[in-house]
Amino acid sequence: AVDWFKGAYGNDPAVEASVLTLFTKPNVPDVRSFLLNQE
């Protein structure tokens, strides 16, 4: 699923694409600030 998203949007100039994963632990140090920074 992650690879599908990166393939579809990773090089799309219209978006700044990112992924939040929670297994086995969150892939970002501060989930709240990371998500609040998204649109």
PDB file of all heavy atoms in Angstrom:
ATOM      1  N   ALA A   1       0.835  -1.202   0.000  1.00  0.00           N
ATOM      2  CA  ALA A   1       0.000   0.000   0.000  1.00  0.00           C
ATOM      3  C   ALA A   1       0.870   1.253   0.000  1.00  0.00           C
ATOM      4  O   ALA A   1       0.582   2.232  -0.695  1.00  0.00           O
ATOM      5  CB  ALA A   1      -0.924  -0.008   1.208  1.00  0.00           C
ATOM      6  N   VAL A   2       1.939   1.224   0.798  1.00  0.00           N
ATOM      7  CA  VAL A   2       2.859   2.364   0.850  1.00  0.00           C
ATOM      8  C   VAL A   2       3.534   2.559  -0.504  1.00  0.00           C
ATOM      9  O   VAL A   2       3.640   3.690  -1.009  1.00  0.00           O
ATOM     10  CB  VAL A   2       3.903   2.162   1.961  1.00  0.00           C
ATOM     11  CG1 VAL A   2       4.926   3.288   1.950  1.00  0.00           C
ATOM     12  CG2 VAL A   2       3.216   2.079   3.331  1.00  0.00           C
ATOM     13  N   ASP A   3       3.959   1.466  -1.125  1.00  0.00           N
ATOM     14  CA  ASP A   3       4.610   1.559  -2.431  1.00  0.00           C
ATOM     15  C   ASP A   3       3.643   2.091  -3.490  1.00  0.00           C
ATOM     16  O   ASP A   3       4.037   2.870  -4.372  1.00  0.00           O
ATOM     17  CB  ASP A   3       5.146   0.190  -2.853  1.00  0.00           C
ATOM     18  CG  ASP A   3       6.337  -0.262  -2.024  1.00  0.00           C
ATOM     19  OD1 ASP A   3       6.936   0.592  -1.333  1.00  0.00           O
ATOM     20  OD2 ASP A   3       6.655  -1.468  -2.058  1.00  0.00           O
ATOM     21  N   TRP A   4       2.384   1.646  -3.409  1.00  0.00           N
ATOM     22  CA  TRP A   4       1.380   2.153  -4.355  1.00  0.00           C
ATOM     23  C   TRP A   4       1.254   3.663  -4.246  1.00  0.00           C
ATOM     24  O   TRP A   4       1.254   4.383  -5.259  1.00  0.00           O
ATOM     25  CB  TRP A   4       0.025   1.505  -4.073  1.00  0.00           C
ATOM     26  CG  TRP A   4      -1.103   2.221  -4.766  1.00  0.00           C
ATOM     27  CD1 TRP A   4      -1.503   2.058  -6.057  1.00  0.00           C
ATOM     28  CD2 TRP A   4      -1.939   3.243  -4.200  1.00  0.00           C
ATOM     29  NE1 TRP A   4      -2.553   2.924  -6.342  1.00  0.00           N
ATOM     30  CE2 TRP A   4      -2.827   3.650  -5.224  1.00  0.00           C
ATOM     31  CE3 TRP A   4      -2.027   3.837  -2.941  1.00  0.00           C
ATOM     32  CZ2 TRP A   4      -3.783   4.641  -5.017  1.00  0.00           C
ATOM     33  CZ3 TRP A   4      -2.976   4.839  -2.735  1.00  0.00           C
ATOM     34  CH2 TRP A   4      -3.856   5.223  -3.757  1.00  0.00           C
ATOM     35  N   PHE A   5       1.153   4.167  -3.013  1.00  0.00           N
ATOM     36  CA  PHE A   5       0.996   5.601  -2.821  1.00  0.00           C
ATOM     37  C   PHE A   5       2.228   6.358  -3.323  1.00  0.00           C
ATOM     38  O   PHE A   5       2.116   7.373  -4.019  1.00  0.00           O
ATOM     39  CB  PHE A   5       0.754   5.910  -1.346  1.00  0.00           C
ATOM     40  CG  PHE A   5       0.611   7.374  -1.054  1.00  0.00           C
ATOM     41  CD1 PHE A   5      -0.570   8.037  -1.318  1.00  0.00           C
ATOM     42  CD2 PHE A   5       1.671   8.100  -0.516  1.00  0.00           C
ATOM     43  CE1 PHE A   5      -0.706   9.401  -1.067  1.00  0.00           C
ATOM     44  CE2 PHE A   5       1.548   9.454  -0.253  1.00  0.00           C
ATOM     45  CZ  PHE A   5       0.354  10.103  -0.532  1.00  0.00           C
ATOM     46  N   LYS A   6       3.404   5.868  -2.982  1.00  0.00           N
ATOM     47  CA  LYS A   6       4.619   6.553  -3.414  1.00  0.00           C
ATOM     48  C   LYS A   6       4.748   6.537  -4.936  1.00  0.00           C
ATOM     49  O   LYS A   6       5.204   7.517  -5.541  1.00  0.00           O
ATOM     50  CB  LYS A   6       5.834   5.905  -2.761  1.00  0.00           C
ATOM     51  CG  LYS A   6       5.922   6.165  -1.252  1.00  0.00           C
ATOM     52  CD  LYS A   6       7.144   5.498  -0.639  1.00  0.00           C
ATOM     53  CE  LYS A   6       7.264   5.828   0.846  1.00  0.00           C
ATOM     54  NZ  LYS A   6       8.433   5.158   1.474  1.00  0.00           N
ATOM     55  N   GLY A   7       4.333   5.434  -5.554  1.00  0.00           N
ATOM     56  CA  GLY A   7       4.375   5.365  -7.005  1.00  0.00           C
ATOM     57  C   GLY A   7       3.405   6.328  -7.659  1.00  0.00           C
ATOM     58  O   GLY A   7       3.686   6.907  -8.714  1.00  0.00           O
ATOM     59  N   ALA A   8       2.235   6.504  -7.034  1.00  0.00           N
ATOM     60  CA  ALA A   8       1.202   7.375  -7.604  1.00  0.00           C
ATOM     61  C   ALA A   8       1.475   8.850  -7.346  1.00  0.00           C
ATOM     62  O   ALA A   8       1.187   9.695  -8.206  1.00  0.00           O
ATOM     63  CB  ALA A   8      -0.164   6.987  -7.042  1.00  0.00           C
ATOM     64  N   TYR A   9       2.037   9.163  -6.174  1.00  0.00           N
ATOM     65  CA  TYR A   9       2.121  10.567  -5.779  1.00  0.00           C
ATOM     66  C   TYR A   9       3.514  11.042  -5.375  1.00  0.00           C
ATOM     67  O   TYR A   9       3.714  12.234  -5.168  1.00  0.00           O
ATOM     68  CB  TYR A   9       1.145  10.835  -4.625  1.00  0.00           C
ATOM     69  CG  TYR A   9      -0.286  10.681  -5.039  1.00  0.00           C
ATOM     70  CD1 TYR A   9      -0.989   9.513  -4.735  1.00  0.00           C
ATOM     71  CD2 TYR A   9      -0.928  11.660  -5.773  1.00  0.00           C
ATOM     72  CE1 TYR A   9      -2.304   9.347  -5.147  1.00  0.00           C
ATOM     73  CE2 TYR A   9      -2.236  11.504  -6.199  1.00  0.00           C
ATOM     74  CZ  TYR A   9      -2.918  10.353  -5.879  1.00  0.00           C
ATOM     75  OH  TYR A   9      -4.203  10.199  -6.305  1.00  0.00           O
ATOM     76  N   GLY A  10       4.474  10.133  -5.275  1.00  0.00           N
ATOM     77  CA  GLY A  10       5.795  10.522  -4.814  1.00  0.00           C
ATOM     78  C   GLY A  10       6.487  11.543  -5.695  1.00  0.00           C
ATOM     79  O   GLY A  10       7.289  12.354  -5.200  1.00  0.00           O
ATOM     80  N   ASN A  11       6.190  11.528  -7.002  1.00  0.00           N
ATOM     81  CA  ASN A  11       6.804  12.465  -7.936  1.00  0.00           C
ATOM     82  C   ASN A  11       5.793  13.440  -8.531  1.00  0.00           C
ATOM     83  O   ASN A  11       6.073  14.078  -9.552  1.00  0.00           O
ATOM     84  CB  ASN A  11       7.507  11.702  -9.059  1.00  0.00           C
ATOM     85  CG  ASN A  11       8.657  10.857  -8.545  1.00  0.00           C
ATOM     86  OD1 ASN A  11       9.499  11.340  -7.790  1.00  0.00           O
ATOM     87  ND2 ASN A  11       8.680   9.592  -8.948  1.00  0.00           N
ATOM     88  N   ASP A  12       4.647  13.558  -7.885  1.00  0.00           N
ATOM     89  CA  ASP A  12       3.600  14.462  -8.369  1.00  0.00           C
ATOM     90  C   ASP A  12       3.915  15.881  -7.907  1.00  0.00           C
ATOM     91  O   ASP A  12       3.936  16.152  -6.704  1.00  0.00           O
ATOM     92  CB  ASP A  12       2.241  14.007  -7.821  1.00  0.00           C
ATOM     93  CG  ASP A  12       1.071  14.791  -8.408  1.00  0.00           C
ATOM     94  OD1 ASP A  12       1.290  15.906  -8.929  1.00  0.00           O
ATOM     95  OD2 ASP A  12      -0.065  14.291  -8.328  1.00  0.00           O
ATOM     96  N   PRO A  13       4.154  16.815  -8.822  1.00  0.00           N
ATOM     97  CA  PRO A  13       4.515  18.174  -8.410  1.00  0.00           C
ATOM     98  C   PRO A  13       3.380  18.928  -7.726  1.00  0.00           C
ATOM     99  O   PRO A  13       3.632  19.963  -7.101  1.00  0.00           O
ATOM    100  CB  PRO A  13       4.906  18.851  -9.728  1.00  0.00           C
ATOM    101  CG  PRO A  13       4.172  18.082 -10.785  1.00  0.00           C
ATOM    102  CD  PRO A  13       4.141  16.670 -10.290  1.00  0.00           C
ATOM    103  N   ALA A  14       2.147  18.407  -7.818  1.00  0.00           N
ATOM    104  CA  ALA A  14       1.017  19.094  -7.198  1.00  0.00           C
ATOM    105  C   ALA A  14       0.917  18.844  -5.703  1.00  0.00           C
ATOM    106  O   ALA A  14       0.174  19.542  -5.012  1.00  0.00           O
ATOM    107  CB  ALA A  14      -0.287  18.675  -7.875  1.00  0.00           C
ATOM    108  N   VAL A  15       1.658  17.830  -5.203  1.00  0.00           N
ATOM    109  CA  VAL A  15       1.550  17.483  -3.788  1.00  0.00           C
ATOM    110  C   VAL A  15       2.927  17.324  -3.159  1.00  0.00           C
ATOM    111  O   VAL A  15       3.904  16.989  -3.835  1.00  0.00           O
ATOM    112  CB  VAL A  15       0.732  16.188  -3.554  1.00  0.00           C
ATOM    113  CG1 VAL A  15      -0.686  16.337  -4.075  1.00  0.00           C
ATOM    114  CG2 VAL A  15       1.424  14.987  -4.187  1.00  0.00           C
ATOM    115  N   GLU A  16       2.954  17.562  -1.865  1.00  0.00           N
ATOM    116  CA  GLU A  16       4.099  17.195  -1.033  1.00  0.00           C
ATOM    117  C   GLU A  16       3.666  15.956  -0.281  1.00  0.00           C
ATOM    118  O   GLU A  16       2.991  16.032   0.748  1.00  0.00           O
ATOM    119  CB  GLU A  16       4.446  18.340  -0.088  1.00  0.00           C
ATOM    120  CG  GLU A  16       5.632  18.086   0.812  1.00  0.00           C
ATOM    121  CD  GLU A  16       5.886  19.230   1.765  1.00  0.00           C
ATOM    122  OE1 GLU A  16       5.749  20.399   1.357  1.00  0.00           O
ATOM    123  OE2 GLU A  16       6.205  18.949   2.956  1.00  0.00           O
ATOM    124  N   ALA A  17       3.997  14.797  -0.829  1.00  0.00           N
ATOM    125  CA  ALA A  17       3.425  13.531  -0.360  1.00  0.00           C
ATOM    126  C   ALA A  17       4.198  12.967   0.823  1.00  0.00           C
ATOM    127  O   ALA A  17       5.428  13.038   0.881  1.00  0.00           O
ATOM    128  CB  ALA A  17       3.414  12.510  -1.496  1.00  0.00           C
ATOM    129  N   SER A  18       3.445  12.400   1.768  1.00  0.00           N
ATOM    130  CA  SER A  18       4.047  11.735   2.920  1.00  0.00           C
ATOM    131  C   SER A  18       3.146  10.595   3.354  1.00  0.00           C
ATOM    132  O   SER A  18       1.992  10.497   2.916  1.00  0.00           O
ATOM    133  CB  SER A  18       4.265  12.713   4.076  1.00  0.00           C
ATOM    134  OG  SER A  18       3.032  13.252   4.516  1.00  0.00           O
ATOM    135  N   VAL A  19       3.674   9.730   4.212  1.00  0.00           N
ATOM    136  CA  VAL A  19       2.926   8.574   4.717  1.00  0.00           C
ATOM    137  C   VAL A  19       3.097   8.512   6.230  1.00  0.00           C
ATOM    138  O   VAL A  19       4.201   8.693   6.745  1.00  0.00           O
ATOM    139  CB  VAL A  19       3.431   7.258   4.089  1.00  0.00           C
ATOM    140  CG1 VAL A  19       2.656   6.060   4.645  1.00  0.00           C
ATOM    141  CG2 VAL A  19       3.325   7.304   2.574  1.00  0.00           C
ATOM    142  N   LEU A  20       1.993   8.261   6.939  1.00  0.00           N
ATOM    143  CA  LEU A  20       2.061   7.974   8.373  1.00  0.00           C
ATOM    144  C   LEU A  20       1.817   6.492   8.573  1.00  0.00           C
ATOM    145  O   LEU A  20       0.747   5.976   8.245  1.00  0.00           O
ATOM    146  CB  LEU A  20       1.017   8.762   9.160  1.00  0.00           C
ATOM    147  CG  LEU A  20       0.949   8.395  10.654  1.00  0.00           C
ATOM    148  CD1 LEU A  20       2.212   8.833  11.382  1.00  0.00           C
ATOM    149  CD2 LEU A  20      -0.292   8.965  11.320  1.00  0.00           C
ATOM    150  N   THR A  21       2.803   5.783   9.104  1.00  0.00           N
ATOM    151  CA  THR A  21       2.625   4.388   9.488  1.00  0.00           C
ATOM    152  C   THR A  21       2.737   4.269  11.003  1.00  0.00           C
ATOM    153  O   THR A  21       3.455   5.036  11.652  1.00  0.00           O
ATOM    154  CB  THR A  21       3.665   3.481   8.807  1.00  0.00           C
ATOM    155  OG1 THR A  21       4.981   3.921   9.136  1.00  0.00           O
ATOM    156  CG2 THR A  21       3.488   3.498   7.298  1.00  0.00           C
ATOM    157  N   LEU A  22       2.021   3.296  11.556  1.00  0.00           N
ATOM    158  CA  LEU A  22       1.986   3.087  13.004  1.00  0.00           C
ATOM    159  C   LEU A  22       2.559   1.747  13.424  1.00  0.00           C
ATOM    160  O   LEU A  22       2.730   1.489  14.613  1.00  0.00           O
ATOM    161  CB  LEU A  22       0.548   3.222  13.519  1.00  0.00           C
ATOM    162  CG  LEU A  22      -0.109   4.585  13.273  1.00  0.00           C
ATOM    163  CD1 LEU A  22      -1.579   4.550  13.682  1.00  0.00           C
ATOM    164  CD2 LEU A  22       0.617   5.695  14.024  1.00  0.00           C
ATOM    165  N   PHE A  23       2.832   0.867  12.451  1.00  0.00           N
ATOM    166  CA  PHE A  23       3.425  -0.436  12.733  1.00  0.00           C
ATOM    167  C   PHE A  23       4.922  -0.383  12.424  1.00  0.00           C
ATOM    168  O   PHE A  23       5.307   0.086  11.354  1.00  0.00           O
ATOM    169  CB  PHE A  23       2.784  -1.529  11.873  1.00  0.00           C
ATOM    170  CG  PHE A  23       1.351  -1.837  12.195  1.00  0.00           C
ATOM    171  CD1 PHE A  23       0.314  -1.117  11.608  1.00  0.00           C
ATOM    172  CD2 PHE A  23       1.033  -2.859  13.073  1.00  0.00           C
ATOM    173  CE1 PHE A  23      -1.001  -1.418  11.885  1.00  0.00           C
ATOM    174  CE2 PHE A  23      -0.285  -3.166  13.351  1.00  0.00           C
ATOM    175  CZ  PHE A  23      -1.304  -2.437  12.759  1.00  0.00           C
ATOM    176  N   THR A  24       5.770  -0.893  13.269  1.00  0.00           N
ATOM    177  CA  THR A  24       5.475  -1.383  14.614  1.00  0.00           C
ATOM    178  C   THR A  24       5.463  -0.245  15.619  1.00  0.00           C
ATOM    179  O   THR A  24       5.109  -0.448  16.790  1.00  0.00           O
ATOM    180  CB  THR A  24       6.535  -2.428  15.041  1.00  0.00           C
ATOM    181  OG1 THR A  24       7.844  -1.823  14.917  1.00  0.00           O
ATOM    182  CG2 THR A  24       6.495  -3.647  14.125  1.00  0.00           C
ATOM    183  N   LYS A  25       5.858   0.910  15.168  1.00  0.00           N
ATOM    184  CA  LYS A  25       5.766   2.138  15.947  1.00  0.00           C
ATOM    185  C   LYS A  25       5.631   3.282  14.949  1.00  0.00           C
ATOM    186  O   LYS A  25       5.945   3.124  13.758  1.00  0.00           O
ATOM    187  CB  LYS A  25       6.999   2.337  16.835  1.00  0.00           C
ATOM    188  CG  LYS A  25       8.311   2.433  16.075  1.00  0.00           C
ATOM    189  CD  LYS A  25       9.498   2.535  17.022  1.00  0.00           C
ATOM    190  CE  LYS A  25      10.810   2.570  16.228  1.00  0.00           C
ATOM    191  NZ  LYS A  25      11.981   2.634  17.147  1.00  0.00           N
ATOM    192  N   PRO A  26       5.163   4.451  15.383  1.00  0.00           N
ATOM    193  CA  PRO A  26       5.013   5.560  14.436  1.00  0.00           C
ATOM    194  C   PRO A  26       6.332   5.900  13.738  1.00  0.00           C
ATOM    195  O   PRO A  26       7.401   5.854  14.340  1.00  0.00           O
ATOM    196  CB  PRO A  26       4.538   6.715  15.323  1.00  0.00           C
ATOM    197  CG  PRO A  26       3.860   6.046  16.479  1.00  0.00           C
ATOM    198  CD  PRO A  26       4.652   4.793  16.730  1.00  0.00           C
ATOM    199  N   ASN A  27       6.218   6.228  12.460  1.00  0.00           N
ATOM    200  CA  ASN A  27       7.413   6.538  11.665  1.00  0.00           C
ATOM    201  C   ASN A  27       7.819   8.010  11.748  1.00  0.00           C
ATOM    202  O   ASN A  27       8.743   8.439  11.058  1.00  0.00           O
ATOM    203  CB  ASN A  27       7.205   6.145  10.202  1.00  0.00           C
ATOM    204  CG  ASN A  27       6.131   6.967   9.510  1.00  0.00           C
ATOM    205  OD1 ASN A  27       5.152   7.380  10.143  1.00  0.00           O
ATOM    206  ND2 ASN A  27       6.280   7.195   8.215  1.00  0.00           N
ATOM    207  N   VAL A  28       7.111   8.785  12.585  1.00  0.00           N
ATOM    208  CA  VAL A  28       7.480  10.183  12.823  1.00  0.00           C
ATOM    209  C   VAL A  28       7.592  10.388  14.329  1.00  0.00           C
ATOM    210  O   VAL A  28       6.896   9.728  15.111  1.00  0.00           O
ATOM    211  CB  VAL A  28       6.440  11.161  12.221  1.00  0.00           C
ATOM    212  CG1 VAL A  28       6.409  11.026  10.701  1.00  0.00           C
ATOM    213  CG2 VAL A  28       5.058  10.943  12.811  1.00  0.00           C
ATOM    214  N   PRO A  29       8.450  11.306  14.780  1.00  0.00           N
ATOM    215  CA  PRO A  29       8.662  11.457  16.221  1.00  0.00           C
ATOM    216  C   PRO A  29       7.495  12.095  16.961  1.00  0.00           C
ATOM    217  O   PRO A  29       7.300  11.839  18.152  1.00  0.00           O
ATOM    218  CB  PRO A  29       9.921  12.334  16.316  1.00  0.00           C
ATOM    219  CG  PRO A  29      10.009  13.027  15.004  1.00  0.00           C
ATOM    220  CD  PRO A  29       9.428  12.087  13.997  1.00  0.00           C
ATOM    221  N   ASP A  30       6.708  12.929  16.289  1.00  0.00           N
ATOM    222  CA  ASP A  30       5.586  13.616  16.927  1.00  0.00           C
ATOM    223  C   ASP A  30       4.394  13.536  15.985  1.00  0.00           C
ATOM    224  O   ASP A  30       4.273  14.332  15.039  1.00  0.00           O
ATOM    225  CB  ASP A  30       5.967  15.072  17.213  1.00  0.00           C
ATOM    226  CG  ASP A  30       4.909  15.823  18.022  1.00  0.00           C
ATOM    227  OD1 ASP A  30       3.720  15.447  17.962  1.00  0.00           O
ATOM    228  OD2 ASP A  30       5.274  16.798  18.713  1.00  0.00           O
ATOM    229  N   VAL A  31       3.512  12.572  16.229  1.00  0.00           N
ATOM    230  CA  VAL A  31       2.385  12.327  15.325  1.00  0.00           C
ATOM    231  C   VAL A  31       1.471  13.541  15.247  1.00  0.00           C
ATOM    232  O   VAL A  31       1.017  13.939  14.167  1.00  0.00           O
ATOM    233  CB  VAL A  31       1.601  11.081  15.770  1.00  0.00           C
ATOM    234  CG1 VAL A  31       0.321  10.925  14.956  1.00  0.00           C
ATOM    235  CG2 VAL A  31       2.464   9.831  15.631  1.00  0.00           C
ATOM    236  N   ARG A  32       1.205  14.157  16.389  1.00  0.00           N
ATOM    237  CA  ARG A  32       0.279  15.303  16.412  1.00  0.00           C
ATOM    238  C   ARG A  32       0.789  16.447  15.537  1.00  0.00           C
ATOM    239  O   ARG A  32       0.059  16.958  14.674  1.00  0.00           O
ATOM    240  CB  ARG A  32       0.065  15.785  17.846  1.00  0.00           C
ATOM    241  CG  ARG A  32      -0.828  17.017  17.951  1.00  0.00           C
ATOM    242  CD  ARG A  32      -1.053  17.426  19.403  1.00  0.00           C
ATOM    243  NE  ARG A  32      -1.822  18.647  19.486  1.00  0.00           N
ATOM    244  CZ  ARG A  32      -1.276  19.875  19.471  1.00  0.00           C
ATOM    245  NH1 ARG A  32       0.047  20.012  19.375  1.00  0.00           N
ATOM    246  NH2 ARG A  32      -2.051  20.952  19.533  1.00  0.00           N
ATOM    247  N   SER A  33       2.032  16.869  15.741  1.00  0.00           N
ATOM    248  CA  SER A  33       2.544  18.002  14.968  1.00  0.00           C
ATOM    249  C   SER A  33       2.665  17.640  13.495  1.00  0.00           C
ATOM    250  O   SER A  33       2.415  18.487  12.620  1.00  0.00           O
ATOM    251  CB  SER A  33       3.888  18.463  15.528  1.00  0.00           C
ATOM    252  OG  SER A  33       4.871  17.449  15.412  1.00  0.00           O
ATOM    253  N   PHE A  34       3.019  16.394  13.209  1.00  0.00           N
ATOM    254  CA  PHE A  34       3.121  15.950  11.820  1.00  0.00           C
ATOM    255  C   PHE A  34       1.769  16.053  11.116  1.00  0.00           C
ATOM    256  O   PHE A  34       1.679  16.592  10.002  1.00  0.00           O
ATOM    257  CB  PHE A  34       3.638  14.517  11.783  1.00  0.00           C
ATOM    258  CG  PHE A  34       3.639  13.896  10.415  1.00  0.00           C
ATOM    259  CD1 PHE A  34       4.604  14.226   9.482  1.00  0.00           C
ATOM    260  CD2 PHE A  34       2.666  12.970  10.065  1.00  0.00           C
ATOM    261  CE1 PHE A  34       4.602  13.655   8.213  1.00  0.00           C
ATOM    262  CE2 PHE A  34       2.649  12.389   8.805  1.00  0.00           C
ATOM    263  CZ  PHE A  34       3.628  12.738   7.881  1.00  0.00           C
ATOM    264  N   LEU A  35       0.709  15.553  11.747  1.00  0.00           N
ATOM    265  CA  LEU A  35      -0.600  15.566  11.109  1.00  0.00           C
ATOM    266  C   LEU A  35      -1.191  16.970  11.038  1.00  0.00           C
ATOM    267  O   LEU A  35      -1.836  17.329  10.052  1.00  0.00           O
ATOM    268  CB  LEU A  35      -1.552  14.620  11.839  1.00  0.00           C
ATOM    269  CG  LEU A  35      -1.233  13.122  11.696  1.00  0.00           C
ATOM    270  CD1 LEU A  35      -2.231  12.293  12.481  1.00  0.00           C
ATOM    271  CD2 LEU A  35      -1.218  12.700  10.230  1.00  0.00           C
ATOM    272  N   LEU A  36      -0.971  17.773  12.057  1.00  0.00           N
ATOM    273  CA  LEU A  36      -1.482  19.152  12.022  1.00  0.00           C
ATOM    274  C   LEU A  36      -0.821  19.974  10.933  1.00  0.00           C
ATOM    275  O   LEU A  36      -1.371  20.996  10.494  1.00  0.00           O
ATOM    276  CB  LEU A  36      -1.288  19.820  13.378  1.00  0.00           C
ATOM    277  CG  LEU A  36      -2.301  19.443  14.466  1.00  0.00           C
ATOM    278  CD1 LEU A  36      -1.839  19.934  15.828  1.00  0.00           C
ATOM    279  CD2 LEU A  36      -3.683  20.007  14.133  1.00  0.00           C
ATOM    280  N   ASN A  37       0.342  19.551  10.480  1.00  0.00           N
ATOM    281  CA  ASN A  37       1.040  20.270   9.421  1.00  0.00           C
ATOM    282  C   ASN A  37       0.566  19.868   8.025  1.00  0.00           C
ATOM    283  O   ASN A  37       0.959  20.482   7.039  1.00  0.00           O
ATOM    284  CB  ASN A  37       2.550  20.021   9.528  1.00  0.00           C
ATOM    285  CG  ASN A  37       3.357  20.892   8.605  1.00  0.00           C
ATOM    286  OD1 ASN A  37       3.179  22.109   8.582  1.00  0.00           O
ATOM    287  ND2 ASN A  37       4.249  20.291   7.821  1.00  0.00           N
ATOM    288  N   GLN A  38      -0.289  18.842   7.950  1.00  0.00           N
ATOM    289  CA  GLN A  38      -0.809  18.401   6.660  1.00  0.00           C
ATOM    290  C   GLN A  38      -2.019  19.234   6.259  1.00  0.00           C
ATOM    291  O   GLN A  38      -2.637  19.910   7.076  1.00  0.00           O
ATOM    292  CB  GLN A  38      -1.193  16.926   6.727  1.00  0.00           C
ATOM    293  CG  GLN A  38      -0.076  16.004   7.168  1.00  0.00           C
ATOM    294  CD  GLN A  38       1.149  16.071   6.283  1.00  0.00           C
ATOM    295  OE1 GLN A  38       1.042  16.085   5.057  1.00  0.00           O
ATOM    296  NE2 GLN A  38       2.334  16.113   6.906  1.00  0.00           N
ATOM    297  N   GLU A  39      -2.354  19.161   4.970  1.00  0.00           N
ATOM    298  CA  GLU A  39      -3.551  19.853   4.474  1.00  0.00           C
ATOM    299  C   GLU A  39      -4.621  18.875   3.994  1.00  0.00           C
ATOM    300  O   GLU A  39      -5.811  19.213   3.982  1.00  0.00           O
ATOM    301  CB  GLU A  39      -3.158  20.802   3.355  1.00  0.00           C
ATOM    302  CG  GLU A  39      -2.392  21.988   3.909  1.00  0.00           C
ATOM    303  CD  GLU A  39      -1.567  22.739   2.880  1.00  0.00           C
ATOM    304  OE1 GLU A  39      -0.930  22.091   2.019  1.00  0.00           O
ATOM    305  OE2 GLU A  39      -1.552  23.976   2.954  1.00  0.00           O
TER     306      GLU A  39
END
